[in-house]
């Protein structure tokens, strides 16, 4: 039973990762098809327009996405030990998992602060 659960977990992780990569590839392909169709119809596209079309791909919001993800992950990491306390014989494993998840959440929050600082520095130079 444990083997089935672990295989199902890793299969889920693989599906999520593959679906995200596929989505990005499909969106990029659609943008390139739009540019190709415009060129085939004889429209002139300058480099700035093409660059803007290629950059318009939604890639998250940088620091905002890291902040949201960090907050959710940190809250999950703090909730796992609480759940382990309420479930019999589950405190130690969920405490360990909670510590790991909390570190991941904290690192995302730190990365959010770094990205915000760099963004402010870049805006200051412009």
Protein backbone atom coordinates (compact mmCIF):
# COMPACT_ATOMS: atom_id res chain seq x y z
CA UNK A 1 0.00 0.00 0.00
CA UNK A 2 2.84 2.41 0.81
CA UNK A 3 4.44 1.75 -2.56
CA UNK A 4 1.24 2.62 -4.40
CA UNK A 5 0.89 5.86 -2.48
CA UNK A 6 4.48 6.91 -3.17
CA UNK A 7 4.19 6.05 -6.87
CA UNK A 8 0.92 7.98 -7.08
CA UNK A 9 2.51 11.00 -5.39
CA UNK A 10 5.49 11.10 -7.74
CA UNK A 11 3.24 10.46 -10.74
CA UNK A 12 1.15 13.48 -9.72
CA UNK A 13 4.27 15.63 -9.41
CA UNK A 14 5.43 14.48 -12.85
CA UNK A 15 2.04 15.26 -14.42
CA UNK A 16 2.00 18.77 -12.92
CA UNK A 17 5.53 19.54 -14.15
CA UNK A 18 4.92 18.11 -17.63
CA UNK A 19 1.61 19.96 -17.96
CA UNK A 20 3.24 23.26 -17.05
CA UNK A 21 6.05 22.77 -19.56
CA UNK A 22 3.54 21.76 -22.24
CA UNK A 23 1.43 24.85 -21.53
CA UNK A 24 4.40 27.16 -21.93
CA UNK A 25 5.45 25.48 -25.19
CA UNK A 26 1.89 25.68 -26.56
CA UNK A 27 1.57 29.37 -25.68
CA UNK A 28 4.93 30.14 -27.27
CA UNK A 29 3.89 28.22 -30.40
CA UNK A 30 0.65 30.22 -30.65
CA UNK A 31 2.56 33.50 -30.40
CA UNK A 32 4.96 32.41 -33.11
CA UNK A 33 2.04 31.35 -35.32
CA UNK A 34 0.48 34.79 -34.86
CA UNK A 35 3.72 36.49 -35.91
CA UNK A 36 4.08 34.13 -38.89
CA UNK A 37 0.49 34.76 -40.04
CA UNK A 38 1.00 38.53 -39.81
CA UNK A 39 4.14 38.31 -41.92
CA UNK A 40 2.43 36.07 -44.49
CA UNK A 41 -0.38 38.63 -44.84
CA UNK A 42 2.21 41.26 -45.68
CA UNK A 43 2.14 43.24 -42.45
CA UNK A 44 5.37 44.85 -41.45
CA UNK A 45 6.47 44.03 -37.91
CA UNK A 46 9.33 45.96 -36.45
CA UNK A 47 11.65 44.43 -33.89
CA UNK A 48 9.94 46.24 -31.00
CA UNK A 49 6.53 44.77 -31.89
CA UNK A 50 7.91 41.25 -32.21
CA UNK A 51 9.77 41.65 -28.94
CA UNK A 52 6.60 42.89 -27.23
CA UNK A 53 4.60 39.92 -28.56
CA UNK A 54 7.21 37.47 -27.36
CA UNK A 55 7.46 39.12 -23.95
CA UNK A 56 3.70 39.22 -23.45
CA UNK A 57 3.77 35.57 -22.42
CA UNK A 58 2.43 35.29 -18.87
CA UNK A 59 5.35 34.12 -16.77
CA UNK A 60 4.09 35.00 -13.33
CA UNK A 61 4.62 38.29 -11.64
CA UNK A 62 8.07 37.75 -10.24
CA UNK A 63 8.19 38.97 -6.67
CA UNK A 64 4.42 38.83 -6.24
CA UNK A 65 4.27 35.17 -7.26
CA UNK A 66 7.19 34.34 -4.99
CA UNK A 67 5.53 36.18 -2.10
CA UNK A 68 2.22 34.36 -2.55
CA UNK A 69 3.90 30.99 -3.03
CA UNK A 70 6.16 31.56 -0.04
CA UNK A 71 3.25 32.51 2.20
CA UNK A 72 1.18 29.50 1.21
CA UNK A 73 4.14 27.13 1.51
CA UNK A 74 5.17 28.52 4.89
CA UNK A 75 1.61 28.21 6.20
CA UNK A 76 1.49 24.63 4.97
CA UNK A 77 4.80 23.88 6.66
CA UNK A 78 3.48 25.27 9.93
CA UNK A 79 0.23 23.33 9.61
CA UNK A 80 1.82 19.92 9.05
CA UNK A 81 3.15 19.53 12.62
CA UNK A 82 -0.23 20.64 13.98
CA UNK A 83 -1.89 17.94 11.91
CA UNK A 84 0.73 15.47 13.14
CA UNK A 85 -0.13 16.35 16.72
CA UNK A 86 -3.79 15.57 16.06
CA UNK A 87 -3.16 12.26 14.29
CA UNK A 88 -1.91 9.29 16.29
CA UNK A 89 1.68 8.18 15.53
CA UNK A 90 2.18 10.90 12.93
CA UNK A 91 3.89 13.67 14.87
CA UNK A 92 7.52 12.89 14.02
CA UNK A 93 7.11 12.36 10.26
CA UNK A 94 4.86 15.39 9.84
CA UNK A 95 7.13 17.49 12.04
CA UNK A 96 10.06 16.65 9.76
CA UNK A 97 8.01 17.33 6.63
CA UNK A 98 6.73 20.58 8.14
CA UNK A 99 10.25 21.79 8.86
CA UNK A 100 11.32 21.03 5.29
CA UNK A 101 8.28 22.73 3.77
CA UNK A 102 8.72 25.73 6.09
CA UNK A 103 12.30 26.17 4.92
CA UNK A 104 11.13 26.12 1.31
CA UNK A 105 8.46 28.72 2.10
CA UNK A 106 10.95 30.93 3.93
CA UNK A 107 13.38 30.73 1.01
CA UNK A 108 10.62 31.80 -1.39
CA UNK A 109 9.89 34.80 0.84
CA UNK A 110 13.59 35.72 0.87
CA UNK A 111 13.74 35.39 -2.92
CA UNK A 112 10.70 37.65 -3.19
CA UNK A 113 12.51 40.33 -1.20
CA UNK A 114 15.61 39.96 -3.40
CA UNK A 115 13.59 40.29 -6.61
CA UNK A 116 11.78 43.34 -5.26
CA UNK A 117 15.11 44.93 -4.32
CA UNK A 118 16.57 44.30 -7.77
CA UNK A 119 13.44 45.62 -9.45
CA UNK A 120 13.65 48.85 -7.41
CA UNK A 121 17.35 49.17 -8.23
CA UNK A 122 16.66 48.72 -11.95
CA UNK A 123 13.88 51.32 -11.84
CA UNK A 124 16.23 53.70 -10.05
CA UNK A 125 18.80 53.34 -12.85
CA UNK A 126 16.28 53.96 -15.62
